C-alpha atoms as a PDB file:
ATOM      1  CA  MET A   1      -5.743  -5.919 -20.408  1.00  0.00           C
ATOM      2  CA  LEU A   2      -7.496  -9.064 -17.948  1.00  0.00           C
ATOM      3  CA  PRO A   3      -8.742  -7.458 -14.712  1.00  0.00           C
ATOM      4  CA  GLY A   4      -5.996  -7.835 -12.137  1.00  0.00           C
ATOM      5  CA  MET A   5      -3.739  -8.520 -14.542  1.00  0.00           C
ATOM      6  CA  ALA A   6      -0.872  -6.004 -14.084  1.00  0.00           C
ATOM      7  CA  LYS A   7       1.463  -6.898 -17.074  1.00  0.00           C
ATOM      8  CA  GLY A   8      -1.264  -8.104 -19.724  1.00  0.00           C
ATOM      9  CA  PRO A   9      -2.563 -11.681 -19.894  1.00  0.00           C
ATOM     10  CA  ARG A  10      -0.745 -14.963 -19.626  1.00  0.00           C
ATOM     11  CA  ILE A  11      -0.657 -16.470 -23.119  1.00  0.00           C
ATOM     12  CA  ALA A  12      -0.934 -20.151 -24.633  1.00  0.00           C
ATOM     13  CA  ILE A  13      -0.588 -20.505 -28.141  1.00  0.00           C
ATOM     14  CA  ILE A  14      -2.359 -23.638 -29.839  1.00  0.00           C
ATOM     15  CA  GLY A  15      -0.147 -24.685 -32.821  1.00  0.00           C
ATOM     16  CA  ALA A  16       3.532 -23.904 -33.949  1.00  0.00           C
ATOM     17  CA  GLY A  17       2.986 -23.378 -37.436  1.00  0.00           C
ATOM     18  CA  ASN A  18       4.189 -20.375 -39.473  1.00  0.00           C
ATOM     19  CA  LEU A  19       1.688 -18.135 -37.481  1.00  0.00           C
ATOM     20  CA  GLY A  20       1.692 -19.500 -34.290  1.00  0.00           C
ATOM     21  CA  SER A  21       5.582 -18.961 -34.174  1.00  0.00           C
ATOM     22  CA  ALA A  22       5.667 -15.635 -35.680  1.00  0.00           C
ATOM     23  CA  LEU A  23       2.994 -14.705 -33.326  1.00  0.00           C
ATOM     24  CA  ALA A  24       4.400 -16.159 -30.243  1.00  0.00           C
ATOM     25  CA  VAL A  25       8.002 -14.193 -30.907  1.00  0.00           C
ATOM     26  CA  ALA A  26       6.088 -10.941 -31.636  1.00  0.00           C
ATOM     27  CA  LEU A  27       4.194 -11.295 -28.134  1.00  0.00           C
ATOM     28  CA  ARG A  28       7.462 -12.180 -26.095  1.00  0.00           C
ATOM     29  CA  GLN A  29       8.776  -8.966 -27.542  1.00  0.00           C
ATOM     30  CA  ALA A  30       5.841  -7.038 -26.606  1.00  0.00           C
ATOM     31  CA  GLY A  31       6.278  -8.159 -23.283  1.00  0.00           C
ATOM     32  CA  TYR A  32       3.901 -10.911 -22.782  1.00  0.00           C
ATOM     33  CA  GLN A  33       4.318 -13.950 -20.746  1.00  0.00           C
ATOM     34  CA  ILE A  34       3.910 -17.117 -23.298  1.00  0.00           C
ATOM     35  CA  GLU A  35       3.020 -19.528 -20.890  1.00  0.00           C
ATOM     36  CA  VAL A  36       2.404 -22.724 -23.007  1.00  0.00           C
ATOM     37  CA  ILE A  37       2.896 -24.072 -26.777  1.00  0.00           C
ATOM     38  CA  VAL A  38       0.393 -26.611 -27.120  1.00  0.00           C
ATOM     39  CA  THR A  39       1.263 -29.328 -29.920  1.00  0.00           C
ATOM     40  CA  ARG A  40       0.871 -33.189 -30.036  1.00  0.00           C
ATOM     41  CA  LEU A  41       3.665 -34.754 -28.118  1.00  0.00           C
ATOM     42  CA  GLY A  42       6.323 -36.852 -30.127  1.00  0.00           C
ATOM     43  CA  LYS A  43       9.464 -37.114 -32.337  1.00  0.00           C
ATOM     44  CA  SER A  44       7.365 -35.334 -35.446  1.00  0.00           C
ATOM     45  CA  LYS A  45       8.989 -32.347 -37.285  1.00  0.00           C
ATOM     46  CA  ARG A  46       6.157 -30.195 -35.868  1.00  0.00           C
ATOM     47  CA  ASN A  47       7.173 -31.040 -32.410  1.00  0.00           C
ATOM     48  CA  LEU A  48      10.727 -30.088 -32.791  1.00  0.00           C
ATOM     49  CA  ARG A  49       9.387 -26.650 -33.777  1.00  0.00           C
ATOM     50  CA  ALA A  50       7.318 -26.386 -30.891  1.00  0.00           C
ATOM     51  CA  ARG A  51       9.999 -27.175 -28.914  1.00  0.00           C
ATOM     52  CA  ASP A  52      12.529 -25.122 -30.520  1.00  0.00           C
ATOM     53  CA  LEU A  53       9.805 -22.023 -30.389  1.00  0.00           C
ATOM     54  CA  ALA A  54       9.081 -22.915 -26.839  1.00  0.00           C
ATOM     55  CA  THR A  55      13.018 -22.057 -25.885  1.00  0.00           C
ATOM     56  CA  GLU A  56      12.791 -18.732 -28.144  1.00  0.00           C
ATOM     57  CA  VAL A  57       9.890 -17.474 -26.276  1.00  0.00           C
ATOM     58  CA  GLY A  58      10.580 -19.027 -22.767  1.00  0.00           C
ATOM     59  CA  ALA A  59       7.185 -21.174 -22.927  1.00  0.00           C
ATOM     60  CA  ARG A  60       6.749 -25.092 -21.875  1.00  0.00           C
ATOM     61  CA  VAL A  61       5.728 -27.320 -24.874  1.00  0.00           C
ATOM     62  CA  VAL A  62       2.343 -29.477 -23.768  1.00  0.00           C
ATOM     63  CA  ASP A  63      -0.178 -31.579 -25.258  1.00  0.00           C
ATOM     64  CA  SER A  64      -3.135 -30.217 -23.220  1.00  0.00           C
ATOM     65  CA  LEU A  65      -3.954 -27.279 -21.134  1.00  0.00           C
ATOM     66  CA  GLN A  66      -4.665 -28.980 -17.894  1.00  0.00           C
ATOM     67  CA  GLY A  67      -2.289 -27.429 -15.154  1.00  0.00           C
ATOM     68  CA  ALA A  68      -1.204 -24.138 -17.502  1.00  0.00           C
ATOM     69  CA  ASP A  69      -1.985 -20.929 -15.879  1.00  0.00           C
ATOM     70  CA  ALA A  70      -3.294 -18.831 -18.977  1.00  0.00           C
ATOM     71  CA  ASP A  71      -5.432 -15.941 -18.971  1.00  0.00           C
ATOM     72  CA  LEU A  72      -5.690 -15.864 -23.208  1.00  0.00           C
ATOM     73  CA  VAL A  73      -5.484 -19.406 -25.524  1.00  0.00           C
ATOM     74  CA  TRP A  74      -5.046 -18.516 -28.653  1.00  0.00           C
ATOM     75  CA  PHE A  75      -5.764 -20.957 -31.682  1.00  0.00           C
ATOM     76  CA  CYS A  76      -3.239 -20.992 -33.872  1.00  0.00           C
ATOM     77  CA  VAL A  77      -4.142 -24.162 -36.270  1.00  0.00           C
ATOM     78  CA  PRO A  78      -5.874 -24.534 -39.963  1.00  0.00           C
ATOM     79  CA  ASP A  79      -9.456 -23.987 -40.207  1.00  0.00           C
ATOM     80  CA  ALA A  80     -10.071 -27.165 -40.435  1.00  0.00           C
ATOM     81  CA  GLU A  81      -8.578 -28.069 -37.129  1.00  0.00           C
ATOM     82  CA  ILE A  82     -10.266 -25.154 -34.876  1.00  0.00           C
ATOM     83  CA  ARG A  83     -13.125 -26.739 -33.778  1.00  0.00           C
ATOM     84  CA  LYS A  84     -11.552 -30.091 -33.294  1.00  0.00           C
ATOM     85  CA  ALA A  85      -8.685 -28.576 -31.220  1.00  0.00           C
ATOM     86  CA  ALA A  86     -11.236 -26.447 -29.039  1.00  0.00           C
ATOM     87  CA  LEU A  87     -13.144 -29.765 -28.694  1.00  0.00           C
ATOM     88  CA  VAL A  88     -10.159 -32.281 -27.437  1.00  0.00           C
ATOM     89  CA  LEU A  89      -8.784 -28.938 -25.118  1.00  0.00           C
ATOM     90  CA  ALA A  90     -12.263 -28.371 -23.523  1.00  0.00           C
ATOM     91  CA  ASP A  91     -11.944 -31.200 -20.728  1.00  0.00           C
ATOM     92  CA  GLY A  92      -9.901 -30.659 -17.680  1.00  0.00           C
ATOM     93  CA  VAL A  93     -10.026 -27.141 -17.922  1.00  0.00           C
ATOM     94  CA  ASP A  94     -11.854 -23.918 -16.139  1.00  0.00           C
ATOM     95  CA  TRP A  95     -12.703 -21.859 -18.838  1.00  0.00           C
ATOM     96  CA  LYS A  96     -14.458 -19.247 -16.728  1.00  0.00           C
ATOM     97  CA  ASP A  97     -12.879 -15.984 -17.117  1.00  0.00           C
ATOM     98  CA  ARG A  98     -10.492 -16.936 -19.877  1.00  0.00           C
ATOM     99  CA  VAL A  99     -10.369 -15.785 -23.562  1.00  0.00           C
ATOM    100  CA  ALA A 100      -9.861 -17.918 -26.567  1.00  0.00           C
ATOM    101  CA  SER A 101      -9.578 -16.762 -29.640  1.00  0.00           C
ATOM    102  CA  HIS A 102      -8.996 -18.159 -33.074  1.00  0.00           C
ATOM    103  CA  ALA A 103      -6.534 -16.510 -35.788  1.00  0.00           C
ATOM    104  CA  SER A 104      -8.784 -17.446 -38.763  1.00  0.00           C
ATOM    105  CA  GLY A 105      -9.576 -15.215 -41.874  1.00  0.00           C
ATOM    106  CA  ALA A 106     -12.581 -17.347 -42.781  1.00  0.00           C
ATOM    107  CA  LEU A 107     -13.942 -18.401 -39.963  1.00  0.00           C
ATOM    108  CA  SER A 108     -16.064 -17.000 -36.895  1.00  0.00           C
ATOM    109  CA  SER A 109     -15.847 -17.158 -33.407  1.00  0.00           C
ATOM    110  CA  ARG A 110     -18.692 -19.714 -33.296  1.00  0.00           C
ATOM    111  CA  GLU A 111     -15.793 -22.127 -33.698  1.00  0.00           C
ATOM    112  CA  LEU A 112     -15.163 -21.978 -30.463  1.00  0.00           C
ATOM    113  CA  ASP A 113     -18.851 -22.429 -29.241  1.00  0.00           C
ATOM    114  CA  VAL A 114     -17.913 -25.584 -27.272  1.00  0.00           C
ATOM    115  CA  LEU A 115     -15.394 -23.123 -25.165  1.00  0.00           C
ATOM    116  CA  ARG A 116     -18.031 -20.508 -24.704  1.00  0.00           C
ATOM    117  CA  LYS A 117     -20.643 -22.756 -23.243  1.00  0.00           C
ATOM    118  CA  ARG A 118     -18.036 -23.641 -20.633  1.00  0.00           C
ATOM    119  CA  GLY A 119     -17.579 -19.851 -19.356  1.00  0.00           C
ATOM    120  CA  ALA A 120     -14.955 -18.550 -21.904  1.00  0.00           C
ATOM    121  CA  SER A 121     -15.097 -15.201 -23.707  1.00  0.00           C
ATOM    122  CA  VAL A 122     -14.220 -16.032 -27.360  1.00  0.00           C
ATOM    123  CA  ALA A 123     -13.010 -14.179 -30.743  1.00  0.00           C
ATOM    124  CA  SER A 124     -11.515 -14.433 -33.897  1.00  0.00           C
ATOM    125  CA  VAL A 125      -8.524 -12.124 -34.474  1.00  0.00           C
ATOM    126  CA  HIS A 126      -7.128 -12.306 -37.846  1.00  0.00           C
ATOM    127  CA  PRO A 127      -4.027 -10.585 -39.091  1.00  0.00           C
ATOM    128  CA  MET A 128      -3.811  -9.418 -42.305  1.00  0.00           C
ATOM    129  CA  MET A 129      -0.521 -10.607 -43.225  1.00  0.00           C
ATOM    130  CA  THR A 130       1.466 -14.034 -45.000  1.00  0.00           C
ATOM    131  CA  PHE A 131       3.277 -16.193 -43.190  1.00  0.00           C
ATOM    132  CA  VAL A 132       5.486 -18.846 -44.433  1.00  0.00           C
ATOM    133  CA  ARG A 133       8.092 -20.836 -43.205  1.00  0.00           C
ATOM    134  CA  GLY A 134      11.322 -19.193 -42.267  1.00  0.00           C
ATOM    135  CA  SER A 135      10.073 -15.838 -42.258  1.00  0.00           C
ATOM    136  CA  ARG A 136       9.036 -13.812 -39.062  1.00  0.00           C
ATOM    137  CA  PRO A 137       7.268 -10.613 -40.301  1.00  0.00           C
ATOM    138  CA  ARG A 138       6.785  -7.894 -38.241  1.00  0.00           C
ATOM    139  CA  LEU A 139       3.203  -6.981 -36.823  1.00  0.00           C
ATOM    140  CA  THR A 140       3.740  -3.399 -36.630  1.00  0.00           C
ATOM    141  CA  GLY A 141       1.112  -1.426 -38.663  1.00  0.00           C
ATOM    142  CA  VAL A 142      -0.265  -4.875 -39.676  1.00  0.00           C
ATOM    143  CA  SER A 143      -4.281  -5.058 -39.711  1.00  0.00           C
ATOM    144  CA  PHE A 144      -6.150  -7.104 -37.306  1.00  0.00           C
ATOM    145  CA  ALA A 145     -10.142  -8.295 -37.994  1.00  0.00           C
ATOM    146  CA  ILE A 146     -11.505  -8.789 -34.729  1.00  0.00           C
ATOM    147  CA  GLU A 147     -15.153 -10.197 -33.546  1.00  0.00           C
ATOM    148  CA  GLY A 148     -16.593 -12.037 -30.944  1.00  0.00           C
ATOM    149  CA  ASP A 149     -17.718 -11.428 -27.184  1.00  0.00           C
ATOM    150  CA  ALA A 150     -17.550  -8.223 -25.788  1.00  0.00           C
ATOM    151  CA  ARG A 151     -15.098  -9.044 -23.159  1.00  0.00           C
ATOM    152  CA  ALA A 152     -12.824 -11.181 -25.797  1.00  0.00           C
ATOM    153  CA  VAL A 153     -12.737  -8.195 -28.189  1.00  0.00           C
ATOM    154  CA  ARG A 154     -11.749  -5.473 -25.566  1.00  0.00           C
ATOM    155  CA  VAL A 155      -8.771  -8.447 -24.801  1.00  0.00           C
ATOM    156  CA  ALA A 156      -7.940  -8.641 -28.357  1.00  0.00           C
ATOM    157  CA  ARG A 157      -7.887  -4.885 -29.084  1.00  0.00           C
ATOM    158  CA  ASP A 158      -5.463  -4.278 -26.406  1.00  0.00           C
ATOM    159  CA  VAL A 159      -3.069  -7.469 -27.130  1.00  0.00           C
ATOM    160  CA  VAL A 160      -3.187  -6.037 -30.917  1.00  0.00           C
ATOM    161  CA  THR A 161      -2.505  -2.365 -30.247  1.00  0.00           C
ATOM    162  CA  ALA A 162       0.565  -3.541 -27.932  1.00  0.00           C
ATOM    163  CA  LEU A 163       2.086  -5.842 -31.062  1.00  0.00           C
ATOM    164  CA  GLY A 164       1.820  -2.555 -32.809  1.00  0.00           C
ATOM    165  CA  GLY A 165      -1.426  -3.634 -35.086  1.00  0.00           C
ATOM    166  CA  ILE A 166      -4.309  -2.207 -36.067  1.00  0.00           C
ATOM    167  CA  PRO A 167      -7.779  -3.505 -34.521  1.00  0.00           C
ATOM    168  CA  HIS A 168     -10.620  -3.624 -36.762  1.00  0.00           C
ATOM    169  CA  SER A 169     -13.848  -4.474 -36.278  1.00  0.00           C
ATOM    170  CA  ILE A 170     -15.739  -7.351 -38.829  1.00  0.00           C
ATOM    171  CA  ARG A 171     -19.014  -8.715 -38.790  1.00  0.00           C
ATOM    172  CA  GLN A 172     -19.251 -12.787 -39.101  1.00  0.00           C
ATOM    173  CA  GLN A 173     -21.039 -12.567 -42.239  1.00  0.00           C
ATOM    174  CA  ASP A 174     -18.451 -10.382 -43.744  1.00  0.00           C
ATOM    175  CA  LYS A 175     -15.447 -12.815 -42.916  1.00  0.00           C
ATOM    176  CA  ALA A 176     -15.456 -14.823 -46.382  1.00  0.00           C
ATOM    177  CA  ALA A 177     -15.581 -11.920 -48.351  1.00  0.00           C
ATOM    178  CA  TYR A 178     -13.023 -10.133 -46.141  1.00  0.00           C
ATOM    179  CA  HIS A 179     -10.593 -13.445 -46.401  1.00  0.00           C
ATOM    180  CA  ALA A 180     -10.682 -14.117 -50.417  1.00  0.00           C
ATOM    181  CA  TRP A 181      -9.832 -10.001 -50.297  1.00  0.00           C
ATOM    182  CA  GLY A 182      -6.877 -11.397 -48.379  1.00  0.00           C
ATOM    183  CA  THR A 183      -6.144 -14.203 -50.697  1.00  0.00           C
ATOM    184  CA  PHE A 184      -6.073 -12.067 -53.797  1.00  0.00           C
ATOM    185  CA  ALA A 185      -3.506  -9.649 -51.915  1.00  0.00           C
ATOM    186  CA  SER A 186      -1.456 -12.510 -51.432  1.00  0.00           C
ATOM    187  CA  PRO A 187      -1.577 -15.915 -52.295  1.00  0.00           C
ATOM    188  CA  LEU A 188      -3.010 -15.325 -55.874  1.00  0.00           C
ATOM    189  CA  LEU A 189      -0.739 -12.927 -56.511  1.00  0.00           C
ATOM    190  CA  THR A 190       2.050 -15.335 -55.582  1.00  0.00           C
ATOM    191  CA  ALA A 191       0.224 -17.512 -58.304  1.00  0.00           C
ATOM    192  CA  LEU A 192       0.217 -14.598 -61.133  1.00  0.00           C
ATOM    193  CA  LEU A 193       3.936 -14.328 -59.954  1.00  0.00           C
ATOM    194  CA  ALA A 194       4.514 -18.037 -61.081  1.00  0.00           C
ATOM    195  CA  THR A 195       2.280 -17.713 -63.638  1.00  0.00           C
ATOM    196  CA  THR A 196       4.921 -14.982 -64.759  1.00  0.00           C
ATOM    197  CA  GLU A 197       7.751 -16.776 -64.843  1.00  0.00           C
ATOM    198  CA  ARG A 198       6.055 -19.252 -66.961  1.00  0.00           C
ATOM    199  CA  VAL A 199       5.542 -16.970 -69.487  1.00  0.00           C
ATOM    200  CA  ALA A 200       8.980 -15.800 -69.084  1.00  0.00           C
ATOM    201  CA  HIS A 201       9.960 -19.113 -70.137  1.00  0.00           C
ATOM    202  CA  GLY A 202       8.264 -18.778 -73.286  1.00  0.00           C
ATOM    203  CA  ALA A 203      10.388 -15.801 -73.855  1.00  0.00           C
ATOM    204  CA  GLY A 204      13.794 -17.696 -73.007  1.00  0.00           C
ATOM    205  CA  VAL A 205      14.056 -16.590 -69.933  1.00  0.00           C
ATOM    206  CA  SER A 206      15.089 -18.824 -67.005  1.00  0.00           C
ATOM    207  CA  ARG A 207      12.841 -19.190 -63.332  1.00  0.00           C
ATOM    208  CA  ALA A 208      15.567 -18.013 -61.619  1.00  0.00           C
ATOM    209  CA  ALA A 209      16.444 -14.627 -64.264  1.00  0.00           C
ATOM    210  CA  ALA A 210      12.722 -14.088 -64.549  1.00  0.00           C
ATOM    211  CA  LYS A 211      12.403 -13.423 -60.545  1.00  0.00           C
ATOM    212  CA  LYS A 212      15.830 -10.969 -60.546  1.00  0.00           C
ATOM    213  CA  ARG A 213      14.699  -9.393 -63.802  1.00  0.00           C
ATOM    214  CA  MET A 214      10.847  -8.466 -62.681  1.00  0.00           C
ATOM    215  CA  LEU A 215      11.694  -7.091 -59.199  1.00  0.00           C
ATOM    216  CA  PRO A 216      12.001  -3.506 -60.077  1.00  0.00           C
ATOM    217  CA  ILE A 217       8.771  -3.840 -62.277  1.00  0.00           C
ATOM    218  CA  LEU A 218       6.975  -5.043 -59.529  1.00  0.00           C
ATOM    219  CA  LEU A 219       8.205  -3.086 -56.734  1.00  0.00           C
ATOM    220  CA  GLN A 220       7.818   0.413 -58.800  1.00  0.00           C
ATOM    221  CA  THR A 221       4.244  -1.372 -59.969  1.00  0.00           C
ATOM    222  CA  LEU A 222       3.279  -1.746 -56.074  1.00  0.00           C
ATOM    223  CA  ALA A 223       5.189   1.861 -55.092  1.00  0.00           C
ATOM    224  CA  ASN A 224       2.640   3.611 -57.594  1.00  0.00           C
ATOM    225  CA  TYR A 225      -0.183   1.574 -56.612  1.00  0.00           C
ATOM    226  CA  ALA A 226       0.406   2.544 -52.502  1.00  0.00           C
ATOM    227  CA  GLU A 227       1.078   6.523 -53.917  1.00  0.00           C
ATOM    228  CA  PHE A 228      -1.652   6.864 -56.904  1.00  0.00           C
ATOM    229  CA  GLY A 229      -4.201   4.201 -56.266  1.00  0.00           C
ATOM    230  CA  ALA A 230      -4.934   1.397 -58.333  1.00  0.00           C
ATOM    231  CA  ALA A 231      -6.210   3.790 -61.353  1.00  0.00           C
ATOM    232  CA  ASN A 232      -3.513   6.017 -62.029  1.00  0.00           C
ATOM    233  CA  GLY A 233      -1.035   3.550 -61.318  1.00  0.00           C
ATOM    234  CA  PHE A 234      -2.289   1.435 -64.603  1.00  0.00           C
ATOM    235  CA  SER A 235      -0.004   1.586 -67.262  1.00  0.00           C
ATOM    236  CA  GLY A 236       0.515  -0.495 -70.374  1.00  0.00           C
ATOM    237  CA  PRO A 237      -1.541  -1.793 -73.680  1.00  0.00           C
ATOM    238  CA  ILE A 238      -5.009  -1.883 -71.881  1.00  0.00           C
ATOM    239  CA  VAL A 239      -4.810   1.461 -70.406  1.00  0.00           C
ATOM    240  CA  ARG A 240      -3.914   3.146 -73.871  1.00  0.00           C
ATOM    241  CA  GLY A 241      -6.221   0.801 -75.704  1.00  0.00           C
ATOM    242  CA  ASP A 242      -3.681  -0.750 -77.705  1.00  0.00           C
ATOM    243  CA  VAL A 243      -5.683  -3.697 -79.515  1.00  0.00           C
ATOM    244  CA  GLU A 244      -3.094  -4.943 -81.775  1.00  0.00           C
ATOM    245  CA  THR A 245      -0.547  -5.281 -79.013  1.00  0.00           C
ATOM    246  CA  VAL A 246      -3.274  -7.374 -76.816  1.00  0.00           C
ATOM    247  CA  LYS A 247      -3.899  -9.825 -79.710  1.00  0.00           C
ATOM    248  CA  LYS A 248      -0.354 -10.465 -79.940  1.00  0.00           C
ATOM    249  CA  HIS A 249       0.134 -11.215 -76.561  1.00  0.00           C
ATOM    250  CA  LEU A 250      -3.115 -13.886 -77.001  1.00  0.00           C
ATOM    251  CA  ARG A 251      -1.292 -15.227 -79.885  1.00  0.00           C
ATOM    252  CA  GLY A 252       2.034 -15.523 -78.194  1.00  0.00           C
ATOM    253  CA  LEU A 253       0.082 -17.223 -75.564  1.00  0.00           C
ATOM    254  CA  ARG A 254      -1.164 -19.888 -76.960  1.00  0.00           C
ATOM    255  CA  GLU A 255       1.438 -22.366 -76.025  1.00  0.00           C
ATOM    256  CA  VAL A 256       0.777 -21.739 -72.626  1.00  0.00           C
ATOM    257  CA  PRO A 257      -3.141 -21.981 -72.075  1.00  0.00           C
ATOM    258  CA  ALA A 258      -3.588 -21.471 -68.190  1.00  0.00           C
ATOM    259  CA  ALA A 259      -1.051 -18.482 -68.736  1.00  0.00           C
ATOM    260  CA  ARG A 260      -3.576 -17.473 -71.372  1.00  0.00           C
ATOM    261  CA  ARG A 261      -7.159 -17.564 -69.171  1.00  0.00           C
ATOM    262  CA  VAL A 262      -4.997 -15.646 -66.616  1.00  0.00           C
ATOM    263  CA  TYR A 263      -4.200 -13.279 -69.185  1.00  0.00           C
ATOM    264  CA  VAL A 264      -7.942 -12.879 -70.398  1.00  0.00           C
ATOM    265  CA  ALA A 265      -9.393 -13.309 -66.612  1.00  0.00           C
ATOM    266  CA  LEU A 266      -6.953 -10.431 -65.510  1.00  0.00           C
ATOM    267  CA  ALA A 267      -7.825  -7.995 -68.441  1.00  0.00           C
ATOM    268  CA  ASP A 268     -11.561  -8.542 -68.287  1.00  0.00           C
ATOM    269  CA  ALA A 269     -11.414  -7.281 -64.542  1.00  0.00           C
ATOM    270  CA  ALA A 270      -9.040  -4.404 -65.963  1.00  0.00           C
ATOM    271  CA  LEU A 271     -11.792  -3.134 -68.399  1.00  0.00           C
ATOM    272  CA  GLN A 272     -14.258  -3.011 -65.869  1.00  0.00           C
ATOM    273  CA  TYR A 273     -12.336  -1.873 -62.990  1.00  0.00           C
ATOM    274  CA  LEU A 274      -9.594   0.460 -64.549  1.00  0.00           C
ATOM    275  CA  PRO A 275      -9.582   3.547 -66.913  1.00  0.00           C
ATOM    276  CA  ALA A 276      -8.941   1.912 -70.775  1.00  0.00           C
ATOM    277  CA  LYS A 277      -9.403   3.270 -74.158  1.00  0.00           C
ATOM    278  CA  ASN A 278     -10.934   1.386 -76.844  1.00  0.00           C
ATOM    279  CA  GLN A 279     -12.911  -0.908 -74.405  1.00  0.00           C
ATOM    280  CA  GLN A 280     -15.403  -2.552 -76.919  1.00  0.00           C
ATOM    281  CA  GLN A 281     -12.450  -3.545 -79.457  1.00  0.00           C
ATOM    282  CA  LEU A 282     -10.390  -4.794 -76.447  1.00  0.00           C
ATOM    283  CA  ARG A 283     -13.172  -7.126 -75.510  1.00  0.00           C
ATOM    284  CA  ARG A 284     -13.689  -8.479 -78.373  1.00  0.00           C
ATOM    285  CA  ALA A 285     -10.390  -9.141 -78.847  1.00  0.00           C
ATOM    286  CA  LEU A 286     -10.378 -10.744 -75.800  1.00  0.00           C
ATOM    287  CA  ARG A 287     -13.019 -13.398 -76.933  1.00  0.00           C
ATOM    288  CA  SER A 288     -11.186 -14.398 -80.206  1.00  0.00           C
ATOM    289  CA  ASP A 289      -9.388 -17.230 -80.869  1.00  0.00           C
ATOM    290  CA  GLY A 290      -6.826 -14.772 -83.507  1.00  0.00           C
END
């Protein structure tokens, strides 16, 4: 909480995309005042979304921070736009005593150096959560990776705690690996599910039917992982060392080469990180064309 702010900092959200929208709503529900939603003004769909969001959280839609009485400015724009947005918004504002943060998982607080040089305390504050159009995930129990200036970090930790999140420190040099971890946990997992639907098509099952039929085994797999961990939640032909079944899989995937490559890559990872019998024979099978 900022000095002199009995009810916490007033907040400006930069960007009204999926993450910015979810964050603004969660902050408002936690009792924070959302002062402004900053976006390019016009008649675009993005601008209409910003106006709807502003109405929902009791904020104003603006295209600059001039005249905005915000103590905490949270950049929720794509990674490639953070530095540019900070540069655009730097002018005409007294940044002394303000806190500026961005929500990138891969980039450090140095993206906001232009604001730091003008007196702001800066941080990167990234939730380990997926945000897609039409979804407003709860942030309770969500891990937030935080790094930056000491004062900005203190403010960020207070806000994250108020949201019900769990703040964690991260070093700048670890952010790329951290974001790759998150990418495996969600977008690449989604890519795997899309690949799984394509394999189901080869078995004569439609995409819609595949999704419906897969959900029970997917949910049980996650439940097993949560309760027992990866090693004890691992099942199937690889853990049993069933070489002939793996060979049949590979033959069956010849007509879907992209899926076959995914299968081989994941099977290789399983042999490296998870328990499996007949590992040498399985490795030979994965390298063969038969």
